[in-house]
Amino acid sequence: MEWILIIVVGGVLGWLASIVMRTDAQQGIFLNIIVGILGALLGRFLLTPLLGGGSITDGPLSLGNILVSLLGAIILLAIVNLVRRGRVR
């Protein structure tokens, strides 16, 4: 049951990150899920030591975990845009 929750919340976070980074028209639901989950992992390793808390993959959901995961997804999309286009947007 936990993995289903991670997939659903990861999809929503990936979608929100793609709206913030203006890449929503280029992504489908599958890529939004991947971006959300990978962004949560990235946020867990990069932002958790700085901000505290955790990510959606760490256990019970809280607002702090969701925000760290969303920031991780936004950072992931910024890195992808930087590599693909040479600019963040």
PDB file of N, CA and C in Angstrom:
ATOM      1  N   MET A   1       0.810  -1.190   0.000  1.00  0.00           N
ATOM      2  CA  MET A   1       0.000   0.000   0.000  1.00  0.00           C
ATOM      3  C   MET A   1       0.860   1.264   0.000  1.00  0.00           C
ATOM      4  N   GLU A   2       2.013   1.178   0.647  1.00  0.00           N
ATOM      5  CA  GLU A   2       2.902   2.337   0.715  1.00  0.00           C
ATOM      6  C   GLU A   2       3.414   2.733  -0.671  1.00  0.00           C
ATOM      7  N   TRP A   3       3.717   1.755  -1.515  1.00  0.00           N
ATOM      8  CA  TRP A   3       4.224   2.056  -2.856  1.00  0.00           C
ATOM      9  C   TRP A   3       3.165   2.726  -3.721  1.00  0.00           C
ATOM     10  N   ILE A   4       1.919   2.327  -3.552  1.00  0.00           N
ATOM     11  CA  ILE A   4       0.839   2.969  -4.308  1.00  0.00           C
ATOM     12  C   ILE A   4       0.734   4.437  -3.909  1.00  0.00           C
ATOM     13  N   LEU A   5       0.842   4.718  -2.623  1.00  0.00           N
ATOM     14  CA  LEU A   5       0.805   6.100  -2.136  1.00  0.00           C
ATOM     15  C   LEU A   5       1.986   6.906  -2.683  1.00  0.00           C
ATOM     16  N   ILE A   6       3.164   6.297  -2.716  1.00  0.00           N
ATOM     17  CA  ILE A   6       4.345   6.979  -3.248  1.00  0.00           C
ATOM     18  C   ILE A   6       4.162   7.281  -4.729  1.00  0.00           C
ATOM     19  N   ILE A   7       3.583   6.352  -5.484  1.00  0.00           N
ATOM     20  CA  ILE A   7       3.363   6.563  -6.919  1.00  0.00           C
ATOM     21  C   ILE A   7       2.351   7.684  -7.151  1.00  0.00           C
ATOM     22  N   VAL A   8       1.267   7.677  -6.392  1.00  0.00           N
ATOM     23  CA  VAL A   8       0.236   8.710  -6.571  1.00  0.00           C
ATOM     24  C   VAL A   8       0.761  10.085  -6.171  1.00  0.00           C
ATOM     25  N   VAL A   9       1.359  10.176  -4.993  1.00  0.00           N
ATOM     26  CA  VAL A   9       1.884  11.473  -4.533  1.00  0.00           C
ATOM     27  C   VAL A   9       3.049  11.916  -5.427  1.00  0.00           C
ATOM     28  N   GLY A  10       3.890  10.984  -5.863  1.00  0.00           N
ATOM     29  CA  GLY A  10       4.980  11.316  -6.780  1.00  0.00           C
ATOM     30  C   GLY A  10       4.459  11.850  -8.105  1.00  0.00           C
ATOM     31  N   GLY A  11       3.377  11.272  -8.604  1.00  0.00           N
ATOM     32  CA  GLY A  11       2.775  11.773  -9.844  1.00  0.00           C
ATOM     33  C   GLY A  11       2.247  13.184  -9.698  1.00  0.00           C
ATOM     34  N   VAL A  12       1.605  13.458  -8.580  1.00  0.00           N
ATOM     35  CA  VAL A  12       1.085  14.809  -8.336  1.00  0.00           C
ATOM     36  C   VAL A  12       2.228  15.803  -8.177  1.00  0.00           C
ATOM     37  N   LEU A  13       3.255  15.421  -7.437  1.00  0.00           N
ATOM     38  CA  LEU A  13       4.403  16.321  -7.250  1.00  0.00           C
ATOM     39  C   LEU A  13       5.157  16.547  -8.558  1.00  0.00           C
ATOM     40  N   GLY A  14       5.296  15.505  -9.369  1.00  0.00           N
ATOM     41  CA  GLY A  14       5.933  15.664 -10.683  1.00  0.00           C
ATOM     42  C   GLY A  14       5.136  16.596 -11.574  1.00  0.00           C
ATOM     43  N   TRP A  15       3.813  16.490 -11.499  1.00  0.00           N
ATOM     44  CA  TRP A  15       2.945  17.370 -12.282  1.00  0.00           C
ATOM     45  C   TRP A  15       3.069  18.817 -11.819  1.00  0.00           C
ATOM     46  N   LEU A  16       3.065  19.034 -10.501  1.00  0.00           N
ATOM     47  CA  LEU A  16       3.215  20.388  -9.968  1.00  0.00           C
ATOM     48  C   LEU A  16       4.586  20.979 -10.317  1.00  0.00           C
ATOM     49  N   ALA A  17       5.624  20.161 -10.237  1.00  0.00           N
ATOM     50  CA  ALA A  17       6.973  20.641 -10.593  1.00  0.00           C
ATOM     51  C   ALA A  17       7.044  20.987 -12.075  1.00  0.00           C
ATOM     52  N   SER A  18       6.368  20.207 -12.919  1.00  0.00           N
ATOM     53  CA  SER A  18       6.393  20.503 -14.355  1.00  0.00           C
ATOM     54  C   SER A  18       5.617  21.780 -14.665  1.00  0.00           C
ATOM     55  N   ILE A  19       4.595  22.089 -13.891  1.00  0.00           N
ATOM     56  CA  ILE A  19       3.877  23.359 -14.065  1.00  0.00           C
ATOM     57  C   ILE A  19       4.776  24.519 -13.655  1.00  0.00           C
ATOM     58  N   VAL A  20       5.482  24.379 -12.529  1.00  0.00           N
ATOM     59  CA  VAL A  20       6.382  25.439 -12.066  1.00  0.00           C
ATOM     60  C   VAL A  20       7.500  25.687 -13.079  1.00  0.00           C
ATOM     61  N   MET A  21       8.036  24.606 -13.651  1.00  0.00           N
ATOM     62  CA  MET A  21       9.157  24.736 -14.587  1.00  0.00           C
ATOM     63  C   MET A  21       8.705  24.895 -16.043  1.00  0.00           C
ATOM     64  N   ARG A  22       7.403  24.983 -16.272  1.00  0.00           N
ATOM     65  CA  ARG A  22       6.816  25.169 -17.605  1.00  0.00           C
ATOM     66  C   ARG A  22       7.194  24.062 -18.596  1.00  0.00           C
ATOM     67  N   THR A  23       7.204  22.824 -18.132  1.00  0.00           N
ATOM     68  CA  THR A  23       7.457  21.684 -19.020  1.00  0.00           C
ATOM     69  C   THR A  23       6.262  20.746 -19.045  1.00  0.00           C
ATOM     70  N   ASP A  24       5.098  21.225 -18.616  1.00  0.00           N
ATOM     71  CA  ASP A  24       3.924  20.368 -18.485  1.00  0.00           C
ATOM     72  C   ASP A  24       3.455  19.823 -19.829  1.00  0.00           C
ATOM     73  N   ALA A  25       3.559  20.598 -20.896  1.00  0.00           N
ATOM     74  CA  ALA A  25       3.091  20.144 -22.199  1.00  0.00           C
ATOM     75  C   ALA A  25       3.983  19.050 -22.780  1.00  0.00           C
ATOM     76  N   GLN A  26       5.202  18.912 -22.297  1.00  0.00           N
ATOM     77  CA  GLN A  26       6.148  17.937 -22.830  1.00  0.00           C
ATOM     78  C   GLN A  26       6.074  16.602 -22.113  1.00  0.00           C
ATOM     79  N   GLN A  27       5.414  16.532 -20.979  1.00  0.00           N
ATOM     80  CA  GLN A  27       5.420  15.344 -20.144  1.00  0.00           C
ATOM     81  C   GLN A  27       4.046  14.713 -20.077  1.00  0.00           C
ATOM     82  N   GLY A  28       4.045  13.405 -19.947  1.00  0.00           N
ATOM     83  CA  GLY A  28       2.811  12.681 -19.713  1.00  0.00           C
ATOM     84  C   GLY A  28       2.752  12.228 -18.267  1.00  0.00           C
ATOM     85  N   ILE A  29       1.744  11.435 -17.952  1.00  0.00           N
ATOM     86  CA  ILE A  29       1.562  11.002 -16.570  1.00  0.00           C
ATOM     87  C   ILE A  29       2.704  10.106 -16.103  1.00  0.00           C
ATOM     88  N   PHE A  30       3.203   9.244 -16.996  1.00  0.00           N
ATOM     89  CA  PHE A  30       4.291   8.340 -16.616  1.00  0.00           C
ATOM     90  C   PHE A  30       5.551   9.116 -16.268  1.00  0.00           C
ATOM     91  N   LEU A  31       5.884  10.114 -17.069  1.00  0.00           N
ATOM     92  CA  LEU A  31       7.075  10.921 -16.798  1.00  0.00           C
ATOM     93  C   LEU A  31       6.886  11.784 -15.555  1.00  0.00           C
ATOM     94  N   ASN A  32       5.660  12.237 -15.296  1.00  0.00           N
ATOM     95  CA  ASN A  32       5.396  12.982 -14.063  1.00  0.00           C
ATOM     96  C   ASN A  32       5.639  12.117 -12.832  1.00  0.00           C
ATOM     97  N   ILE A  33       5.233  10.852 -12.894  1.00  0.00           N
ATOM     98  CA  ILE A  33       5.465   9.931 -11.776  1.00  0.00           C
ATOM     99  C   ILE A  33       6.961   9.723 -11.568  1.00  0.00           C
ATOM    100  N   ILE A  34       7.695   9.506 -12.650  1.00  0.00           N
ATOM    101  CA  ILE A  34       9.145   9.302 -12.558  1.00  0.00           C
ATOM    102  C   ILE A  34       9.824  10.539 -11.981  1.00  0.00           C
ATOM    103  N   VAL A  35       9.454  11.711 -12.482  1.00  0.00           N
ATOM    104  CA  VAL A  35      10.049  12.963 -11.987  1.00  0.00           C
ATOM    105  C   VAL A  35       9.727  13.161 -10.512  1.00  0.00           C
ATOM    106  N   GLY A  36       8.502  12.863 -10.106  1.00  0.00           N
ATOM    107  CA  GLY A  36       8.118  13.029  -8.706  1.00  0.00           C
ATOM    108  C   GLY A  36       8.892  12.116  -7.772  1.00  0.00           C
ATOM    109  N   ILE A  37       9.048  10.851  -8.161  1.00  0.00           N
ATOM    110  CA  ILE A  37       9.753   9.900  -7.301  1.00  0.00           C
ATOM    111  C   ILE A  37      11.253  10.182  -7.288  1.00  0.00           C
ATOM    112  N   LEU A  38      11.850  10.415  -8.459  1.00  0.00           N
ATOM    113  CA  LEU A  38      13.281  10.737  -8.495  1.00  0.00           C
ATOM    114  C   LEU A  38      13.563  12.075  -7.804  1.00  0.00           C
ATOM    115  N   GLY A  39      12.653  13.025  -7.957  1.00  0.00           N
ATOM    116  CA  GLY A  39      12.802  14.302  -7.263  1.00  0.00           C
ATOM    117  C   GLY A  39      12.721  14.139  -5.754  1.00  0.00           C
ATOM    118  N   ALA A  40      11.866  13.224  -5.302  1.00  0.00           N
ATOM    119  CA  ALA A  40      11.781  12.952  -3.858  1.00  0.00           C
ATOM    120  C   ALA A  40      13.090  12.364  -3.352  1.00  0.00           C
ATOM    121  N   LEU A  41      13.663  11.469  -4.118  1.00  0.00           N
ATOM    122  CA  LEU A  41      14.948  10.891  -3.719  1.00  0.00           C
ATOM    123  C   LEU A  41      16.057  11.942  -3.739  1.00  0.00           C
ATOM    124  N   LEU A  42      16.047  12.801  -4.753  1.00  0.00           N
ATOM    125  CA  LEU A  42      17.035  13.875  -4.838  1.00  0.00           C
ATOM    126  C   LEU A  42      16.871  14.849  -3.671  1.00  0.00           C
ATOM    127  N   GLY A  43      15.639  15.202  -3.367  1.00  0.00           N
ATOM    128  CA  GLY A  43      15.378  16.077  -2.231  1.00  0.00           C
ATOM    129  C   GLY A  43      15.789  15.442  -0.915  1.00  0.00           C
ATOM    130  N   ARG A  44      15.616  14.143  -0.834  1.00  0.00           N
ATOM    131  CA  ARG A  44      16.006  13.416   0.384  1.00  0.00           C
ATOM    132  C   ARG A  44      17.504  13.516   0.619  1.00  0.00           C
ATOM    133  N   PHE A  45      18.301  13.380  -0.440  1.00  0.00           N
ATOM    134  CA  PHE A  45      19.754  13.387  -0.282  1.00  0.00           C
ATOM    135  C   PHE A  45      20.341  14.796  -0.249  1.00  0.00           C
ATOM    136  N   LEU A  46      19.738  15.747  -0.962  1.00  0.00           N
ATOM    137  CA  LEU A  46      20.297  17.096  -1.015  1.00  0.00           C
ATOM    138  C   LEU A  46      19.703  18.047   0.024  1.00  0.00           C
ATOM    139  N   LEU A  47      18.391  18.015   0.181  1.00  0.00           N
ATOM    140  CA  LEU A  47      17.727  19.029   0.992  1.00  0.00           C
ATOM    141  C   LEU A  47      17.487  18.613   2.438  1.00  0.00           C
ATOM    142  N   THR A  48      17.338  17.324   2.682  1.00  0.00           N
ATOM    143  CA  THR A  48      17.076  16.872   4.053  1.00  0.00           C
ATOM    144  C   THR A  48      18.203  17.245   5.011  1.00  0.00           C
ATOM    145  N   PRO A  49      19.487  17.109   4.641  1.00  0.00           N
ATOM    146  CA  PRO A  49      20.530  17.550   5.578  1.00  0.00           C
ATOM    147  C   PRO A  49      20.502  19.056   5.842  1.00  0.00           C
ATOM    148  N   LEU A  50      20.032  19.839   4.868  1.00  0.00           N
ATOM    149  CA  LEU A  50      19.989  21.294   5.042  1.00  0.00           C
ATOM    150  C   LEU A  50      18.738  21.763   5.774  1.00  0.00           C
ATOM    151  N   LEU A  51      17.593  21.197   5.412  1.00  0.00           N
ATOM    152  CA  LEU A  51      16.320  21.680   5.940  1.00  0.00           C
ATOM    153  C   LEU A  51      15.729  20.793   7.028  1.00  0.00           C
ATOM    154  N   GLY A  52      16.202  19.576   7.128  1.00  0.00           N
ATOM    155  CA  GLY A  52      15.596  18.629   8.063  1.00  0.00           C
ATOM    156  C   GLY A  52      14.395  17.960   7.428  1.00  0.00           C
ATOM    157  N   GLY A  53      13.730  17.130   8.173  1.00  0.00           N
ATOM    158  CA  GLY A  53      12.553  16.446   7.647  1.00  0.00           C
ATOM    159  C   GLY A  53      12.935  15.225   6.845  1.00  0.00           C
ATOM    160  N   GLY A  54      12.209  14.959   5.793  1.00  0.00           N
ATOM    161  CA  GLY A  54      12.449  13.799   4.957  1.00  0.00           C
ATOM    162  C   GLY A  54      11.795  14.010   3.611  1.00  0.00           C
ATOM    163  N   SER A  55      11.475  12.911   2.934  1.00  0.00           N
ATOM    164  CA  SER A  55      10.779  12.978   1.659  1.00  0.00           C
ATOM    165  C   SER A  55       9.606  12.012   1.702  1.00  0.00           C
ATOM    166  N   ILE A  56       8.870  11.931   0.596  1.00  0.00           N
ATOM    167  CA  ILE A  56       7.698  11.059   0.575  1.00  0.00           C
ATOM    168  C   ILE A  56       8.088   9.591   0.656  1.00  0.00           C
ATOM    169  N   THR A  57       9.343   9.268   0.406  1.00  0.00           N
ATOM    170  CA  THR A  57       9.794   7.881   0.468  1.00  0.00           C
ATOM    171  C   THR A  57      10.261   7.485   1.860  1.00  0.00           C
ATOM    172  N   ASP A  58      10.247   8.411   2.815  1.00  0.00           N
ATOM    173  CA  ASP A  58      10.769   8.147   4.157  1.00  0.00           C
ATOM    174  C   ASP A  58       9.761   7.591   5.147  1.00  0.00           C
ATOM    175  N   GLY A  59       8.526   7.672   4.876  1.00  0.00           N
ATOM    176  CA  GLY A  59       7.559   7.171   5.841  1.00  0.00           C
ATOM    177  C   GLY A  59       6.283   7.967   5.813  1.00  0.00           C
ATOM    178  N   PRO A  60       5.777   8.345   6.974  1.00  0.00           N
ATOM    179  CA  PRO A  60       4.486   9.043   7.001  1.00  0.00           C
ATOM    180  C   PRO A  60       4.561  10.393   6.309  1.00  0.00           C
ATOM    181  N   LEU A  61       3.494  10.721   5.593  1.00  0.00           N
ATOM    182  CA  LEU A  61       3.458  11.981   4.870  1.00  0.00           C
ATOM    183  C   LEU A  61       3.212  13.137   5.817  1.00  0.00           C
ATOM    184  N   SER A  62       3.942  14.195   5.592  1.00  0.00           N
ATOM    185  CA  SER A  62       3.710  15.444   6.303  1.00  0.00           C
ATOM    186  C   SER A  62       3.952  16.571   5.304  1.00  0.00           C
ATOM    187  N   LEU A  63       3.574  17.751   5.678  1.00  0.00           N
ATOM    188  CA  LEU A  63       3.750  18.894   4.780  1.00  0.00           C
ATOM    189  C   LEU A  63       5.228  19.138   4.490  1.00  0.00           C
ATOM    190  N   GLY A  64       6.075  18.966   5.485  1.00  0.00           N
ATOM    191  CA  GLY A  64       7.517  19.135   5.281  1.00  0.00           C
ATOM    192  C   GLY A  64       8.082  18.119   4.297  1.00  0.00           C
ATOM    193  N   ASN A  65       7.658  16.866   4.413  1.00  0.00           N
ATOM    194  CA  ASN A  65       8.123  15.825   3.482  1.00  0.00           C
ATOM    195  C   ASN A  65       7.661  16.112   2.060  1.00  0.00           C
ATOM    196  N   ILE A  66       6.438  16.581   1.924  1.00  0.00           N
ATOM    197  CA  ILE A  66       5.919  16.891   0.591  1.00  0.00           C
ATOM    198  C   ILE A  66       6.663  18.077  -0.008  1.00  0.00           C
ATOM    199  N   LEU A  67       6.955  19.104   0.775  1.00  0.00           N
ATOM    200  CA  LEU A  67       7.679  20.268   0.259  1.00  0.00           C
ATOM    201  C   LEU A  67       9.114  19.924  -0.141  1.00  0.00           C
ATOM    202  N   VAL A  68       9.787  19.095   0.653  1.00  0.00           N
ATOM    203  CA  VAL A  68      11.145  18.667   0.298  1.00  0.00           C
ATOM    204  C   VAL A  68      11.115  17.870  -1.010  1.00  0.00           C
ATOM    205  N   SER A  69      10.121  17.010  -1.172  1.00  0.00           N
ATOM    206  CA  SER A  69      10.004  16.220  -2.392  1.00  0.00           C
ATOM    207  C   SER A  69       9.683  17.096  -3.594  1.00  0.00           C
ATOM    208  N   LEU A  70       8.817  18.096  -3.406  1.00  0.00           N
ATOM    209  CA  LEU A  70       8.486  19.015  -4.496  1.00  0.00           C
ATOM    210  C   LEU A  70       9.713  19.830  -4.906  1.00  0.00           C
ATOM    211  N   LEU A  71      10.465  20.333  -3.941  1.00  0.00           N
ATOM    212  CA  LEU A  71      11.692  21.068  -4.268  1.00  0.00           C
ATOM    213  C   LEU A  71      12.701  20.184  -4.980  1.00  0.00           C
ATOM    214  N   GLY A  72      12.796  18.929  -4.576  1.00  0.00           N
ATOM    215  CA  GLY A  72      13.681  17.993  -5.256  1.00  0.00           C
ATOM    216  C   GLY A  72      13.264  17.764  -6.699  1.00  0.00           C
ATOM    217  N   ALA A  73      11.952  17.668  -6.951  1.00  0.00           N
ATOM    218  CA  ALA A  73      11.457  17.492  -8.322  1.00  0.00           C
ATOM    219  C   ALA A  73      11.725  18.735  -9.165  1.00  0.00           C
ATOM    220  N   ILE A  74      11.582  19.912  -8.570  1.00  0.00           N
ATOM    221  CA  ILE A  74      11.866  21.152  -9.299  1.00  0.00           C
ATOM    222  C   ILE A  74      13.353  21.237  -9.632  1.00  0.00           C
ATOM    223  N   ILE A  75      14.206  20.870  -8.689  1.00  0.00           N
ATOM    224  CA  ILE A  75      15.657  20.859  -8.937  1.00  0.00           C
ATOM    225  C   ILE A  75      15.994  19.864 -10.037  1.00  0.00           C
ATOM    226  N   LEU A  76      15.357  18.695 -10.025  1.00  0.00           N
ATOM    227  CA  LEU A  76      15.595  17.690 -11.059  1.00  0.00           C
ATOM    228  C   LEU A  76      15.214  18.214 -12.433  1.00  0.00           C
ATOM    229  N   LEU A  77      14.054  18.858 -12.563  1.00  0.00           N
ATOM    230  CA  LEU A  77      13.650  19.418 -13.846  1.00  0.00           C
ATOM    231  C   LEU A  77      14.562  20.562 -14.283  1.00  0.00           C
ATOM    232  N   ALA A  78      15.066  21.354 -13.328  1.00  0.00           N
ATOM    233  CA  ALA A  78      16.007  22.425 -13.675  1.00  0.00           C
ATOM    234  C   ALA A  78      17.306  21.842 -14.227  1.00  0.00           C
ATOM    235  N   ILE A  79      17.774  20.757 -13.631  1.00  0.00           N
ATOM    236  CA  ILE A  79      18.990  20.105 -14.123  1.00  0.00           C
ATOM    237  C   ILE A  79      18.762  19.532 -15.516  1.00  0.00           C
ATOM    238  N   VAL A  80      17.612  18.900 -15.725  1.00  0.00           N
ATOM    239  CA  VAL A  80      17.293  18.341 -17.049  1.00  0.00           C
ATOM    240  C   VAL A  80      17.211  19.453 -18.088  1.00  0.00           C
ATOM    241  N   ASN A  81      16.556  20.574 -17.763  1.00  0.00           N
ATOM    242  CA  ASN A  81      16.480  21.696 -18.699  1.00  0.00           C
ATOM    243  C   ASN A  81      17.856  22.277 -18.982  1.00  0.00           C
ATOM    244  N   LEU A  82      18.705  22.334 -17.978  1.00  0.00           N
ATOM    245  CA  LEU A  82      20.051  22.859 -18.165  1.00  0.00           C
ATOM    246  C   LEU A  82      20.856  21.985 -19.112  1.00  0.00           C
ATOM    247  N   VAL A  83      20.728  20.685 -18.982  1.00  0.00           N
ATOM    248  CA  VAL A  83      21.461  19.760 -19.846  1.00  0.00           C
ATOM    249  C   VAL A  83      20.890  19.774 -21.262  1.00  0.00           C
ATOM    250  N   ARG A  84      19.565  19.787 -21.388  1.00  0.00           N
ATOM    251  CA  ARG A  84      18.938  19.725 -22.710  1.00  0.00           C
ATOM    252  C   ARG A  84      19.039  21.025 -23.484  1.00  0.00           C
ATOM    253  N   ARG A  85      18.867  22.153 -22.806  1.00  0.00           N
ATOM    254  CA  ARG A  85      18.786  23.426 -23.512  1.00  0.00           C
ATOM    255  C   ARG A  85      19.911  24.393 -23.208  1.00  0.00           C
ATOM    256  N   GLY A  86      20.685  24.114 -22.203  1.00  0.00           N
ATOM    257  CA  GLY A  86      21.753  25.011 -21.822  1.00  0.00           C
ATOM    258  C   GLY A  86      21.286  26.158 -20.938  1.00  0.00           C
ATOM    259  N   ARG A  87      20.016  26.108 -20.501  1.00  0.00           N
ATOM    260  CA  ARG A  87      19.492  27.145 -19.609  1.00  0.00           C
ATOM    261  C   ARG A  87      18.431  26.519 -18.716  1.00  0.00           C
ATOM    262  N   VAL A  88      18.212  27.124 -17.582  1.00  0.00           N
ATOM    263  CA  VAL A  88      17.274  26.575 -16.605  1.00  0.00           C
ATOM    264  C   VAL A  88      15.835  26.931 -16.951  1.00  0.00           C
ATOM    265  N   ARG A  89      15.566  28.093 -17.456  1.00  0.00           N
ATOM    266  CA  ARG A  89      14.269  28.663 -17.822  1.00  0.00           C
ATOM    267  C   ARG A  89      13.853  29.664 -16.825  1.00  0.00           C
TER     268      ARG A  89
END
